[in-house]
Amino acid sequence: MRRRNSGGDDDKNICLAAGAALALTAGPAAAWEPTKPVEIVVAAGAGGASDQMARMMQAAIQKNNLMKQPVVVSLKAARRGRRRSST
C-alpha cells in the first residue's frame, strides 16, 4: 500500500524557503535623516487646536532630540473657507 503525501512536507519547505528569502533580503536598513529643516504645515489659523498640537509635537521632537534638523511650524490659513494644499 502506497502512502500519500499529505502536503505537510511541502508546506514546511515553502515556509523555510520564504524565511530564508526574507532573512537574505532584510539586511540592515540605513536610517533616513532629513537634510533640510522639517516643516509642519498647519492649514488653520493661529491659536487653534491644530496649531497647538503642531507646536506640542515640535517641542517634543526638539526636547527629545528625535531629529538633528530643526522643526518649524508654518501656519497656512485657508482663504474663503477653502483649504490650500501643496505638493
C-alpha atoms as a PDB file:
ATOM      1  CA  MET A   1       0.000   0.000   0.000  1.00  0.00           C
ATOM      2  CA  ARG A   2       1.363   3.422  -1.016  1.00  0.00           C
ATOM      3  CA  ARG A   3       1.334   6.318   1.372  1.00  0.00           C
ATOM      4  CA  ARG A   4       0.059   9.578   0.042  1.00  0.00           C
ATOM      5  CA  ASN A   5       1.890  12.742   0.925  1.00  0.00           C
ATOM      6  CA  SER A   6      -0.483  14.933   2.895  1.00  0.00           C
ATOM      7  CA  GLY A   7       1.355  18.088   1.840  1.00  0.00           C
ATOM      8  CA  GLY A   8       2.836  18.751   5.260  1.00  0.00           C
ATOM      9  CA  ASP A   9       6.396  18.455   3.954  1.00  0.00           C
ATOM     10  CA  ASP A  10       5.646  20.800   1.062  1.00  0.00           C
ATOM     11  CA  ASP A  11       4.217  23.419   3.408  1.00  0.00           C
ATOM     12  CA  LYS A  12       7.255  23.126   5.648  1.00  0.00           C
ATOM     13  CA  ASN A  13       9.617  23.557   2.680  1.00  0.00           C
ATOM     14  CA  ILE A  14       7.726  26.614   1.435  1.00  0.00           C
ATOM     15  CA  CYS A  15       7.902  28.206   4.888  1.00  0.00           C
ATOM     16  CA  LEU A  16      11.625  27.503   5.147  1.00  0.00           C
ATOM     17  CA  ALA A  17      12.254  28.942   1.689  1.00  0.00           C
ATOM     18  CA  ALA A  18      10.202  32.057   2.437  1.00  0.00           C
ATOM     19  CA  GLY A  19      12.009  32.554   5.743  1.00  0.00           C
ATOM     20  CA  ALA A  20      15.413  32.177   4.118  1.00  0.00           C
ATOM     21  CA  ALA A  21      14.499  34.641   1.363  1.00  0.00           C
ATOM     22  CA  LEU A  22      13.274  37.148   3.922  1.00  0.00           C
ATOM     23  CA  ALA A  23      16.411  36.768   6.027  1.00  0.00           C
ATOM     24  CA  LEU A  24      18.633  37.335   2.987  1.00  0.00           C
ATOM     25  CA  THR A  25      16.784  40.410   1.737  1.00  0.00           C
ATOM     26  CA  ALA A  26      16.226  42.084   5.113  1.00  0.00           C
ATOM     27  CA  GLY A  27      19.712  43.479   5.565  1.00  0.00           C
ATOM     28  CA  PRO A  28      20.429  46.433   7.791  1.00  0.00           C
ATOM     29  CA  ALA A  29      18.389  49.396   6.585  1.00  0.00           C
ATOM     30  CA  ALA A  30      20.015  52.800   6.626  1.00  0.00           C
ATOM     31  CA  ALA A  31      18.176  55.279   8.799  1.00  0.00           C
ATOM     32  CA  TRP A  32      16.757  58.174   6.819  1.00  0.00           C
ATOM     33  CA  GLU A  33      17.685  61.637   8.039  1.00  0.00           C
ATOM     34  CA  PRO A  34      16.339  64.867   6.544  1.00  0.00           C
ATOM     35  CA  THR A  35      18.887  67.287   5.124  1.00  0.00           C
ATOM     36  CA  LYS A  36      16.743  70.428   5.432  1.00  0.00           C
ATOM     37  CA  PRO A  37      14.624  71.807   8.272  1.00  0.00           C
ATOM     38  CA  VAL A  38      11.426  69.825   8.768  1.00  0.00           C
ATOM     39  CA  GLU A  39       8.280  71.897   8.223  1.00  0.00           C
ATOM     40  CA  ILE A  40       4.962  71.035   9.857  1.00  0.00           C
ATOM     41  CA  VAL A  41       2.287  72.823   7.838  1.00  0.00           C
ATOM     42  CA  VAL A  42      -0.903  73.725   9.707  1.00  0.00           C
ATOM     43  CA  ALA A  43      -3.821  74.685   7.459  1.00  0.00           C
ATOM     44  CA  ALA A  44      -5.665  76.624  10.152  1.00  0.00           C
ATOM     45  CA  GLY A  45      -5.469  79.904  11.987  1.00  0.00           C
ATOM     46  CA  ALA A  46      -3.080  80.674  14.799  1.00  0.00           C
ATOM     47  CA  GLY A  47      -4.091  79.565  18.281  1.00  0.00           C
ATOM     48  CA  GLY A  48      -6.443  76.802  17.190  1.00  0.00           C
ATOM     49  CA  ALA A  49      -6.294  73.166  18.222  1.00  0.00           C
ATOM     50  CA  SER A  50      -4.269  72.181  15.124  1.00  0.00           C
ATOM     51  CA  ASP A  51      -1.735  74.925  15.814  1.00  0.00           C
ATOM     52  CA  GLN A  52      -1.393  73.899  19.457  1.00  0.00           C
ATOM     53  CA  MET A  53      -0.956  70.225  18.564  1.00  0.00           C
ATOM     54  CA  ALA A  54       1.703  71.015  15.961  1.00  0.00           C
ATOM     55  CA  ARG A  55       3.617  73.158  18.451  1.00  0.00           C
ATOM     56  CA  MET A  56       3.445  70.417  21.087  1.00  0.00           C
ATOM     57  CA  MET A  57       4.806  67.945  18.533  1.00  0.00           C
ATOM     58  CA  GLN A  58       7.573  70.398  17.625  1.00  0.00           C
ATOM     59  CA  ALA A  59       8.534  70.847  21.284  1.00  0.00           C
ATOM     60  CA  ALA A  60       8.552  67.101  21.952  1.00  0.00           C
ATOM     61  CA  ILE A  61      10.691  66.365  18.886  1.00  0.00           C
ATOM     62  CA  GLN A  62      13.251  69.016  19.812  1.00  0.00           C
ATOM     63  CA  LYS A  63      13.241  68.226  23.553  1.00  0.00           C
ATOM     64  CA  ASN A  64      13.919  64.525  22.981  1.00  0.00           C
ATOM     65  CA  ASN A  65      16.421  65.141  20.149  1.00  0.00           C
ATOM     66  CA  LEU A  66      14.465  62.927  17.755  1.00  0.00           C
ATOM     67  CA  MET A  67      15.830  64.790  14.711  1.00  0.00           C
ATOM     68  CA  LYS A  68      19.090  66.541  14.072  1.00  0.00           C
ATOM     69  CA  GLN A  69      17.387  69.114  11.856  1.00  0.00           C
ATOM     70  CA  PRO A  70      15.251  71.924  13.279  1.00  0.00           C
ATOM     71  CA  VAL A  71      11.469  71.519  13.187  1.00  0.00           C
ATOM     72  CA  VAL A  72       9.443  74.551  12.052  1.00  0.00           C
ATOM     73  CA  VAL A  73       5.666  75.067  12.349  1.00  0.00           C
ATOM     74  CA  SER A  74       4.174  77.025   9.419  1.00  0.00           C
ATOM     75  CA  LEU A  75       0.636  78.359   9.514  1.00  0.00           C
ATOM     76  CA  LYS A  76      -1.087  78.422   6.123  1.00  0.00           C
ATOM     77  CA  ALA A  77      -4.543  79.773   6.879  1.00  0.00           C
ATOM     78  CA  ALA A  78      -7.307  78.823   4.450  1.00  0.00           C
ATOM     79  CA  ARG A  79      -8.892  81.513   2.288  1.00  0.00           C
ATOM     80  CA  ARG A  80     -12.653  81.866   1.953  1.00  0.00           C
ATOM     81  CA  GLY A  81     -13.317  78.567   3.668  1.00  0.00           C
ATOM     82  CA  ARG A  82     -11.223  76.526   1.252  1.00  0.00           C
ATOM     83  CA  ARG A  83      -8.139  74.711   2.426  1.00  0.00           C
ATOM     84  CA  ARG A  84      -4.979  75.036   0.444  1.00  0.00           C
ATOM     85  CA  SER A  85      -2.873  72.006  -0.304  1.00  0.00           C
ATOM     86  CA  SER A  86       0.548  71.913  -1.845  1.00  0.00           C
ATOM     87  CA  THR A  87       2.612  69.029  -3.137  1.00  0.00           C
END
